[in-house]
Amino acid sequence: TTLLQQNGINISTQEFNKKMIESGFIKEMQRPSSKGKIKYFKSLTDKGAKFGENQVNPNNPKETQPLYYSNKFDELLKVLRIV
């Protein structure tokens, strides 16, 4: 969200993630919750690793969250045809 805002991109994080999934840069993963439900989270693929890394989610160590490199974000926006 922060990098989208810093680059003046007026799309939601959800829309950005949808484009990332369609391009094969991230995938949606799942894990069982402690209450037996399915929890979903995003993870960068090998293809997406050029633009960031998977960081352990500080709220749940069983999940990752993409952390994008700020110096590669402009290139990623161009690849996704957002700019």
PDB file of N, CA and C in Angstrom:
ATOM      1  N   THR A   1       0.826  -1.186   0.000  1.00  0.00           N
ATOM      2  CA  THR A   1       0.000   0.000   0.000  1.00  0.00           C
ATOM      3  C   THR A   1       0.874   1.254   0.000  1.00  0.00           C
ATOM      4  N   THR A   2       1.900   1.255   0.819  1.00  0.00           N
ATOM      5  CA  THR A   2       2.773   2.425   0.918  1.00  0.00           C
ATOM      6  C   THR A   2       3.474   2.701  -0.408  1.00  0.00           C
ATOM      7  N   LEU A   3       4.011   1.663  -1.054  1.00  0.00           N
ATOM      8  CA  LEU A   3       4.710   1.876  -2.322  1.00  0.00           C
ATOM      9  C   LEU A   3       3.755   2.316  -3.425  1.00  0.00           C
ATOM     10  N   LEU A   4       2.536   1.815  -3.410  1.00  0.00           N
ATOM     11  CA  LEU A   4       1.542   2.279  -4.386  1.00  0.00           C
ATOM     12  C   LEU A   4       1.283   3.770  -4.189  1.00  0.00           C
ATOM     13  N   GLN A   5       1.109   4.174  -2.944  1.00  0.00           N
ATOM     14  CA  GLN A   5       0.851   5.585  -2.642  1.00  0.00           C
ATOM     15  C   GLN A   5       2.053   6.457  -2.997  1.00  0.00           C
ATOM     16  N   GLN A   6       3.250   6.002  -2.647  1.00  0.00           N
ATOM     17  CA  GLN A   6       4.461   6.780  -2.923  1.00  0.00           C
ATOM     18  C   GLN A   6       4.680   6.981  -4.419  1.00  0.00           C
ATOM     19  N   ASN A   7       4.204   6.031  -5.225  1.00  0.00           N
ATOM     20  CA  ASN A   7       4.358   6.116  -6.676  1.00  0.00           C
ATOM     21  C   ASN A   7       3.143   6.752  -7.353  1.00  0.00           C
ATOM     22  N   GLY A   8       2.206   7.242  -6.566  1.00  0.00           N
ATOM     23  CA  GLY A   8       1.040   7.923  -7.110  1.00  0.00           C
ATOM     24  C   GLY A   8       0.096   7.014  -7.872  1.00  0.00           C
ATOM     25  N   ILE A   9       0.067   5.738  -7.504  1.00  0.00           N
ATOM     26  CA  ILE A   9      -0.780   4.760  -8.179  1.00  0.00           C
ATOM     27  C   ILE A   9      -2.106   4.676  -7.427  1.00  0.00           C
ATOM     28  N   ASN A  10      -3.176   4.945  -8.127  1.00  0.00           N
ATOM     29  CA  ASN A  10      -4.487   5.022  -7.494  1.00  0.00           C
ATOM     30  C   ASN A  10      -5.294   3.740  -7.725  1.00  0.00           C
ATOM     31  N   ILE A  11      -4.726   2.614  -7.279  1.00  0.00           N
ATOM     32  CA  ILE A  11      -5.483   1.352  -7.285  1.00  0.00           C
ATOM     33  C   ILE A  11      -5.386   0.753  -5.886  1.00  0.00           C
ATOM     34  N   SER A  12      -6.328  -0.100  -5.567  1.00  0.00           N
ATOM     35  CA  SER A  12      -6.320  -0.724  -4.248  1.00  0.00           C
ATOM     36  C   SER A  12      -5.261  -1.823  -4.180  1.00  0.00           C
ATOM     37  N   THR A  13      -4.892  -2.167  -2.974  1.00  0.00           N
ATOM     38  CA  THR A  13      -3.957  -3.269  -2.769  1.00  0.00           C
ATOM     39  C   THR A  13      -4.549  -4.561  -3.315  1.00  0.00           C
ATOM     40  N   GLN A  14      -5.861  -4.744  -3.178  1.00  0.00           N
ATOM     41  CA  GLN A  14      -6.525  -5.942  -3.681  1.00  0.00           C
ATOM     42  C   GLN A  14      -6.406  -6.028  -5.203  1.00  0.00           C
ATOM     43  N   GLU A  15      -6.597  -4.910  -5.877  1.00  0.00           N
ATOM     44  CA  GLU A  15      -6.478  -4.893  -7.337  1.00  0.00           C
ATOM     45  C   GLU A  15      -5.032  -5.165  -7.759  1.00  0.00           C
ATOM     46  N   PHE A  16      -4.086  -4.582  -7.032  1.00  0.00           N
ATOM     47  CA  PHE A  16      -2.668  -4.830  -7.301  1.00  0.00           C
ATOM     48  C   PHE A  16      -2.353  -6.317  -7.129  1.00  0.00           C
ATOM     49  N   ASN A  17      -2.825  -6.907  -6.029  1.00  0.00           N
ATOM     50  CA  ASN A  17      -2.575  -8.327  -5.780  1.00  0.00           C
ATOM     51  C   ASN A  17      -3.199  -9.204  -6.860  1.00  0.00           C
ATOM     52  N   LYS A  18      -4.370  -8.822  -7.350  1.00  0.00           N
ATOM     53  CA  LYS A  18      -5.019  -9.580  -8.425  1.00  0.00           C
ATOM     54  C   LYS A  18      -4.134  -9.586  -9.671  1.00  0.00           C
ATOM     55  N   LYS A  19      -3.575  -8.435 -10.020  1.00  0.00           N
ATOM     56  CA  LYS A  19      -2.674  -8.346 -11.171  1.00  0.00           C
ATOM     57  C   LYS A  19      -1.404  -9.169 -10.934  1.00  0.00           C
ATOM     58  N   MET A  20      -0.929  -9.165  -9.703  1.00  0.00           N
ATOM     59  CA  MET A  20       0.263  -9.955  -9.363  1.00  0.00           C
ATOM     60  C   MET A  20      -0.009 -11.456  -9.511  1.00  0.00           C
ATOM     61  N   ILE A  21      -1.179 -11.904  -9.087  1.00  0.00           N
ATOM     62  CA  ILE A  21      -1.550 -13.317  -9.208  1.00  0.00           C
ATOM     63  C   ILE A  21      -1.696 -13.685 -10.677  1.00  0.00           C
ATOM     64  N   GLU A  22      -2.402 -12.837 -11.449  1.00  0.00           N
ATOM     65  CA  GLU A  22      -2.602 -13.100 -12.879  1.00  0.00           C
ATOM     66  C   GLU A  22      -1.278 -13.186 -13.625  1.00  0.00           C
ATOM     67  N   SER A  23      -0.280 -12.442 -13.184  1.00  0.00           N
ATOM     68  CA  SER A  23       1.033 -12.434 -13.835  1.00  0.00           C
ATOM     69  C   SER A  23       1.957 -13.519 -13.294  1.00  0.00           C
ATOM     70  N   GLY A  24       1.526 -14.234 -12.279  1.00  0.00           N
ATOM     71  CA  GLY A  24       2.332 -15.320 -11.721  1.00  0.00           C
ATOM     72  C   GLY A  24       3.418 -14.871 -10.767  1.00  0.00           C
ATOM     73  N   PHE A  25       3.320 -13.635 -10.261  1.00  0.00           N
ATOM     74  CA  PHE A  25       4.331 -13.123  -9.342  1.00  0.00           C
ATOM     75  C   PHE A  25       4.035 -13.463  -7.886  1.00  0.00           C
ATOM     76  N   ILE A  26       2.774 -13.619  -7.547  1.00  0.00           N
ATOM     77  CA  ILE A  26       2.413 -14.097  -6.215  1.00  0.00           C
ATOM     78  C   ILE A  26       1.363 -15.191  -6.358  1.00  0.00           C
ATOM     79  N   LYS A  27       1.236 -15.972  -5.322  1.00  0.00           N
ATOM     80  CA  LYS A  27       0.183 -16.991  -5.284  1.00  0.00           C
ATOM     81  C   LYS A  27      -0.502 -16.915  -3.938  1.00  0.00           C
ATOM     82  N   GLU A  28      -1.737 -17.340  -3.943  1.00  0.00           N
ATOM     83  CA  GLU A  28      -2.483 -17.369  -2.695  1.00  0.00           C
ATOM     84  C   GLU A  28      -2.261 -18.733  -2.057  1.00  0.00           C
ATOM     85  N   MET A  29      -1.864 -18.710  -0.819  1.00  0.00           N
ATOM     86  CA  MET A  29      -1.588 -19.933  -0.073  1.00  0.00           C
ATOM     87  C   MET A  29      -2.656 -20.055   1.007  1.00  0.00           C
ATOM     88  N   GLN A  30      -2.714 -21.221   1.613  1.00  0.00           N
ATOM     89  CA  GLN A  30      -3.672 -21.414   2.695  1.00  0.00           C
ATOM     90  C   GLN A  30      -3.060 -22.277   3.785  1.00  0.00           C
ATOM     91  N   ARG A  31      -3.626 -22.101   4.965  1.00  0.00           N
ATOM     92  CA  ARG A  31      -3.211 -22.900   6.124  1.00  0.00           C
ATOM     93  C   ARG A  31      -4.425 -23.055   7.022  1.00  0.00           C
ATOM     94  N   PRO A  32      -4.455 -24.102   7.816  1.00  0.00           N
ATOM     95  CA  PRO A  32      -5.571 -24.242   8.756  1.00  0.00           C
ATOM     96  C   PRO A  32      -5.373 -23.304   9.948  1.00  0.00           C
ATOM     97  N   SER A  33      -6.454 -22.717  10.414  1.00  0.00           N
ATOM     98  CA  SER A  33      -6.373 -21.874  11.604  1.00  0.00           C
ATOM     99  C   SER A  33      -6.489 -22.766  12.839  1.00  0.00           C
ATOM    100  N   SER A  34      -6.254 -22.181  13.973  1.00  0.00           N
ATOM    101  CA  SER A  34      -6.354 -22.947  15.223  1.00  0.00           C
ATOM    102  C   SER A  34      -7.797 -23.375  15.498  1.00  0.00           C
ATOM    103  N   LYS A  35      -8.746 -22.717  14.827  1.00  0.00           N
ATOM    104  CA  LYS A  35     -10.158 -23.060  15.003  1.00  0.00           C
ATOM    105  C   LYS A  35     -10.681 -23.961  13.891  1.00  0.00           C
ATOM    106  N   GLY A  36      -9.759 -24.482  13.066  1.00  0.00           N
ATOM    107  CA  GLY A  36     -10.151 -25.422  12.022  1.00  0.00           C
ATOM    108  C   GLY A  36     -10.617 -24.795  10.724  1.00  0.00           C
ATOM    109  N   LYS A  37     -10.600 -23.484  10.631  1.00  0.00           N
ATOM    110  CA  LYS A  37     -10.989 -22.811   9.390  1.00  0.00           C
ATOM    111  C   LYS A  37      -9.756 -22.632   8.510  1.00  0.00           C
ATOM    112  N   ILE A  38      -9.983 -22.283   7.264  1.00  0.00           N
ATOM    113  CA  ILE A  38      -8.881 -22.046   6.337  1.00  0.00           C
ATOM    114  C   ILE A  38      -8.543 -20.556   6.335  1.00  0.00           C
ATOM    115  N   LYS A  39      -7.257 -20.247   6.499  1.00  0.00           N
ATOM    116  CA  LYS A  39      -6.759 -18.876   6.428  1.00  0.00           C
ATOM    117  C   LYS A  39      -5.960 -18.748   5.132  1.00  0.00           C
ATOM    118  N   TYR A  40      -6.156 -17.637   4.416  1.00  0.00           N
ATOM    119  CA  TYR A  40      -5.463 -17.394   3.159  1.00  0.00           C
ATOM    120  C   TYR A  40      -4.436 -16.292   3.328  1.00  0.00           C
ATOM    121  N   PHE A  41      -3.325 -16.421   2.613  1.00  0.00           N
ATOM    122  CA  PHE A  41      -2.293 -15.390   2.619  1.00  0.00           C
ATOM    123  C   PHE A  41      -1.543 -15.429   1.289  1.00  0.00           C
ATOM    124  N   LYS A  42      -0.813 -14.362   1.008  1.00  0.00           N
ATOM    125  CA  LYS A  42      -0.094 -14.221  -0.253  1.00  0.00           C
ATOM    126  C   LYS A  42       1.385 -14.549  -0.059  1.00  0.00           C
ATOM    127  N   SER A  43       1.972 -15.105  -1.129  1.00  0.00           N
ATOM    128  CA  SER A  43       3.384 -15.442  -1.093  1.00  0.00           C
ATOM    129  C   SER A  43       3.986 -15.197  -2.479  1.00  0.00           C
ATOM    130  N   LEU A  44       5.148 -14.568  -2.529  1.00  0.00           N
ATOM    131  CA  LEU A  44       5.820 -14.350  -3.812  1.00  0.00           C
ATOM    132  C   LEU A  44       6.265 -15.684  -4.392  1.00  0.00           C
ATOM    133  N   THR A  45       6.129 -15.837  -5.694  1.00  0.00           N
ATOM    134  CA  THR A  45       6.617 -17.020  -6.389  1.00  0.00           C
ATOM    135  C   THR A  45       8.089 -16.803  -6.738  1.00  0.00           C
ATOM    136  N   ASP A  46       8.718 -17.813  -7.312  1.00  0.00           N
ATOM    137  CA  ASP A  46      10.103 -17.654  -7.768  1.00  0.00           C
ATOM    138  C   ASP A  46      10.189 -16.519  -8.793  1.00  0.00           C
ATOM    139  N   LYS A  47       9.195 -16.431  -9.669  1.00  0.00           N
ATOM    140  CA  LYS A  47       9.142 -15.379 -10.687  1.00  0.00           C
ATOM    141  C   LYS A  47       9.044 -13.995 -10.030  1.00  0.00           C
ATOM    142  N   GLY A  48       8.318 -13.899  -8.948  1.00  0.00           N
ATOM    143  CA  GLY A  48       8.133 -12.621  -8.257  1.00  0.00           C
ATOM    144  C   GLY A  48       9.286 -12.232  -7.354  1.00  0.00           C
ATOM    145  N   ALA A  49      10.171 -13.193  -7.059  1.00  0.00           N
ATOM    146  CA  ALA A  49      11.276 -12.933  -6.135  1.00  0.00           C
ATOM    147  C   ALA A  49      12.247 -11.876  -6.656  1.00  0.00           C
ATOM    148  N   LYS A  50      12.192 -11.584  -7.950  1.00  0.00           N
ATOM    149  CA  LYS A  50      13.023 -10.517  -8.523  1.00  0.00           C
ATOM    150  C   LYS A  50      12.623  -9.151  -7.953  1.00  0.00           C
ATOM    151  N   PHE A  51      11.371  -9.036  -7.512  1.00  0.00           N
ATOM    152  CA  PHE A  51      10.829  -7.758  -7.080  1.00  0.00           C
ATOM    153  C   PHE A  51      10.643  -7.630  -5.575  1.00  0.00           C
ATOM    154  N   GLY A  52      10.965  -8.679  -4.826  1.00  0.00           N
ATOM    155  CA  GLY A  52      10.804  -8.611  -3.377  1.00  0.00           C
ATOM    156  C   GLY A  52      11.128  -9.933  -2.726  1.00  0.00           C
ATOM    157  N   GLU A  53      10.723 -10.072  -1.486  1.00  0.00           N
ATOM    158  CA  GLU A  53      10.969 -11.313  -0.748  1.00  0.00           C
ATOM    159  C   GLU A  53       9.792 -11.600   0.163  1.00  0.00           C
ATOM    160  N   ASN A  54       9.668 -12.849   0.517  1.00  0.00           N
ATOM    161  CA  ASN A  54       8.621 -13.258   1.453  1.00  0.00           C
ATOM    162  C   ASN A  54       9.130 -13.045   2.866  1.00  0.00           C
ATOM    163  N   GLN A  55       8.378 -12.279   3.613  1.00  0.00           N
ATOM    164  CA  GLN A  55       8.734 -11.988   4.996  1.00  0.00           C
ATOM    165  C   GLN A  55       7.733 -12.722   5.894  1.00  0.00           C
ATOM    166  N   VAL A  56       8.200 -13.227   7.009  1.00  0.00           N
ATOM    167  CA  VAL A  56       7.300 -13.858   7.962  1.00  0.00           C
ATOM    168  C   VAL A  56       6.338 -12.803   8.485  1.00  0.00           C
ATOM    169  N   ASN A  57       5.072 -13.137   8.460  1.00  0.00           N
ATOM    170  CA  ASN A  57       4.046 -12.217   8.946  1.00  0.00           C
ATOM    171  C   ASN A  57       4.228 -12.030  10.451  1.00  0.00           C
ATOM    172  N   PRO A  58       4.425 -10.788  10.910  1.00  0.00           N
ATOM    173  CA  PRO A  58       4.638 -10.584  12.342  1.00  0.00           C
ATOM    174  C   PRO A  58       3.418 -10.952  13.196  1.00  0.00           C
ATOM    175  N   ASN A  59       2.244 -10.995  12.569  1.00  0.00           N
ATOM    176  CA  ASN A  59       1.034 -11.369  13.307  1.00  0.00           C
ATOM    177  C   ASN A  59       0.817 -12.871  13.371  1.00  0.00           C
ATOM    178  N   ASN A  60       1.488 -13.619  12.475  1.00  0.00           N
ATOM    179  CA  ASN A  60       1.364 -15.065  12.483  1.00  0.00           C
ATOM    180  C   ASN A  60       2.578 -15.690  11.811  1.00  0.00           C
ATOM    181  N   PRO A  61       3.458 -16.344  12.567  1.00  0.00           N
ATOM    182  CA  PRO A  61       4.686 -16.901  11.994  1.00  0.00           C
ATOM    183  C   PRO A  61       4.456 -18.064  11.017  1.00  0.00           C
ATOM    184  N   LYS A  62       3.214 -18.536  10.875  1.00  0.00           N
ATOM    185  CA  LYS A  62       2.916 -19.600   9.915  1.00  0.00           C
ATOM    186  C   LYS A  62       2.579 -19.043   8.534  1.00  0.00           C
ATOM    187  N   GLU A  63       2.591 -17.708   8.410  1.00  0.00           N
ATOM    188  CA  GLU A  63       2.244 -17.059   7.151  1.00  0.00           C
ATOM    189  C   GLU A  63       3.391 -16.161   6.688  1.00  0.00           C
ATOM    190  N   THR A  64       3.434 -15.950   5.371  1.00  0.00           N
ATOM    191  CA  THR A  64       4.359 -14.975   4.813  1.00  0.00           C
ATOM    192  C   THR A  64       3.563 -13.797   4.265  1.00  0.00           C
ATOM    193  N   GLN A  65       4.279 -12.734   4.009  1.00  0.00           N
ATOM    194  CA  GLN A  65       3.684 -11.585   3.330  1.00  0.00           C
ATOM    195  C   GLN A  65       4.753 -11.011   2.416  1.00  0.00           C
ATOM    196  N   PRO A  66       4.374 -10.630   1.201  1.00  0.00           N
ATOM    197  CA  PRO A  66       5.356 -10.065   0.281  1.00  0.00           C
ATOM    198  C   PRO A  66       5.886  -8.724   0.779  1.00  0.00           C
ATOM    199  N   LEU A  67       7.180  -8.557   0.673  1.00  0.00           N
ATOM    200  CA  LEU A  67       7.832  -7.293   0.967  1.00  0.00           C
ATOM    201  C   LEU A  67       8.540  -6.893  -0.325  1.00  0.00           C
ATOM    202  N   TYR A  68       8.072  -5.813  -0.955  1.00  0.00           N
ATOM    203  CA  TYR A  68       8.592  -5.420  -2.258  1.00  0.00           C
ATOM    204  C   TYR A  68       9.785  -4.496  -2.115  1.00  0.00           C
ATOM    205  N   TYR A  69      10.762  -4.674  -3.016  1.00  0.00           N
ATOM    206  CA  TYR A  69      11.931  -3.804  -3.027  1.00  0.00           C
ATOM    207  C   TYR A  69      11.526  -2.455  -3.621  1.00  0.00           C
ATOM    208  N   SER A  70      11.765  -1.384  -2.900  1.00  0.00           N
ATOM    209  CA  SER A  70      11.371  -0.061  -3.384  1.00  0.00           C
ATOM    210  C   SER A  70      12.130   0.315  -4.653  1.00  0.00           C
ATOM    211  N   ASN A  71      13.390  -0.130  -4.781  1.00  0.00           N
ATOM    212  CA  ASN A  71      14.174   0.215  -5.972  1.00  0.00           C
ATOM    213  C   ASN A  71      13.771  -0.598  -7.210  1.00  0.00           C
ATOM    214  N   LYS A  72      12.920  -1.606  -7.051  1.00  0.00           N
ATOM    215  CA  LYS A  72      12.442  -2.417  -8.180  1.00  0.00           C
ATOM    216  C   LYS A  72      10.954  -2.205  -8.438  1.00  0.00           C
ATOM    217  N   PHE A  73      10.291  -1.411  -7.606  1.00  0.00           N
ATOM    218  CA  PHE A  73       8.842  -1.299  -7.677  1.00  0.00           C
ATOM    219  C   PHE A  73       8.384  -0.622  -8.970  1.00  0.00           C
ATOM    220  N   ASP A  74       9.124   0.386  -9.420  1.00  0.00           N
ATOM    221  CA  ASP A  74       8.775   1.055 -10.669  1.00  0.00           C
ATOM    222  C   ASP A  74       8.830   0.068 -11.842  1.00  0.00           C
ATOM    223  N   GLU A  75       9.845  -0.773 -11.867  1.00  0.00           N
ATOM    224  CA  GLU A  75       9.962  -1.799 -12.912  1.00  0.00           C
ATOM    225  C   GLU A  75       8.787  -2.773 -12.839  1.00  0.00           C
ATOM    226  N   LEU A  76       8.412  -3.157 -11.637  1.00  0.00           N
ATOM    227  CA  LEU A  76       7.277  -4.066 -11.447  1.00  0.00           C
ATOM    228  C   LEU A  76       5.987  -3.427 -11.966  1.00  0.00           C
ATOM    229  N   LEU A  77       5.769  -2.164 -11.690  1.00  0.00           N
ATOM    230  CA  LEU A  77       4.575  -1.472 -12.177  1.00  0.00           C
ATOM    231  C   LEU A  77       4.518  -1.469 -13.706  1.00  0.00           C
ATOM    232  N   LYS A  78       5.667  -1.318 -14.344  1.00  0.00           N
ATOM    233  CA  LYS A  78       5.727  -1.335 -15.807  1.00  0.00           C
ATOM    234  C   LYS A  78       5.436  -2.730 -16.352  1.00  0.00           C
ATOM    235  N   VAL A  79       5.989  -3.748 -15.717  1.00  0.00           N
ATOM    236  CA  VAL A  79       5.756  -5.127 -16.150  1.00  0.00           C
ATOM    237  C   VAL A  79       4.261  -5.464 -16.034  1.00  0.00           C
ATOM    238  N   LEU A  80       3.633  -4.976 -14.961  1.00  0.00           N
ATOM    239  CA  LEU A  80       2.204  -5.232 -14.751  1.00  0.00           C
ATOM    240  C   LEU A  80       1.319  -4.316 -15.594  1.00  0.00           C
ATOM    241  N   ARG A  81       1.938  -3.396 -16.318  1.00  0.00           N
ATOM    242  CA  ARG A  81       1.231  -2.412 -17.168  1.00  0.00           C
ATOM    243  C   ARG A  81       0.284  -1.519 -16.358  1.00  0.00           C
ATOM    244  N   ILE A  82       0.743  -1.167 -15.195  1.00  0.00           N
ATOM    245  CA  ILE A  82      -0.019  -0.255 -14.339  1.00  0.00           C
ATOM    246  C   ILE A  82       0.378   1.181 -14.665  1.00  0.00           C
ATOM    247  N   VAL A  83       1.616   1.370 -15.099  1.00  0.00           N
ATOM    248  CA  VAL A  83       2.061   2.718 -15.524  1.00  0.00           C
ATOM    249  C   VAL A  83       2.447   2.684 -16.988  1.00  0.00           C
TER     250      VAL A  83
END
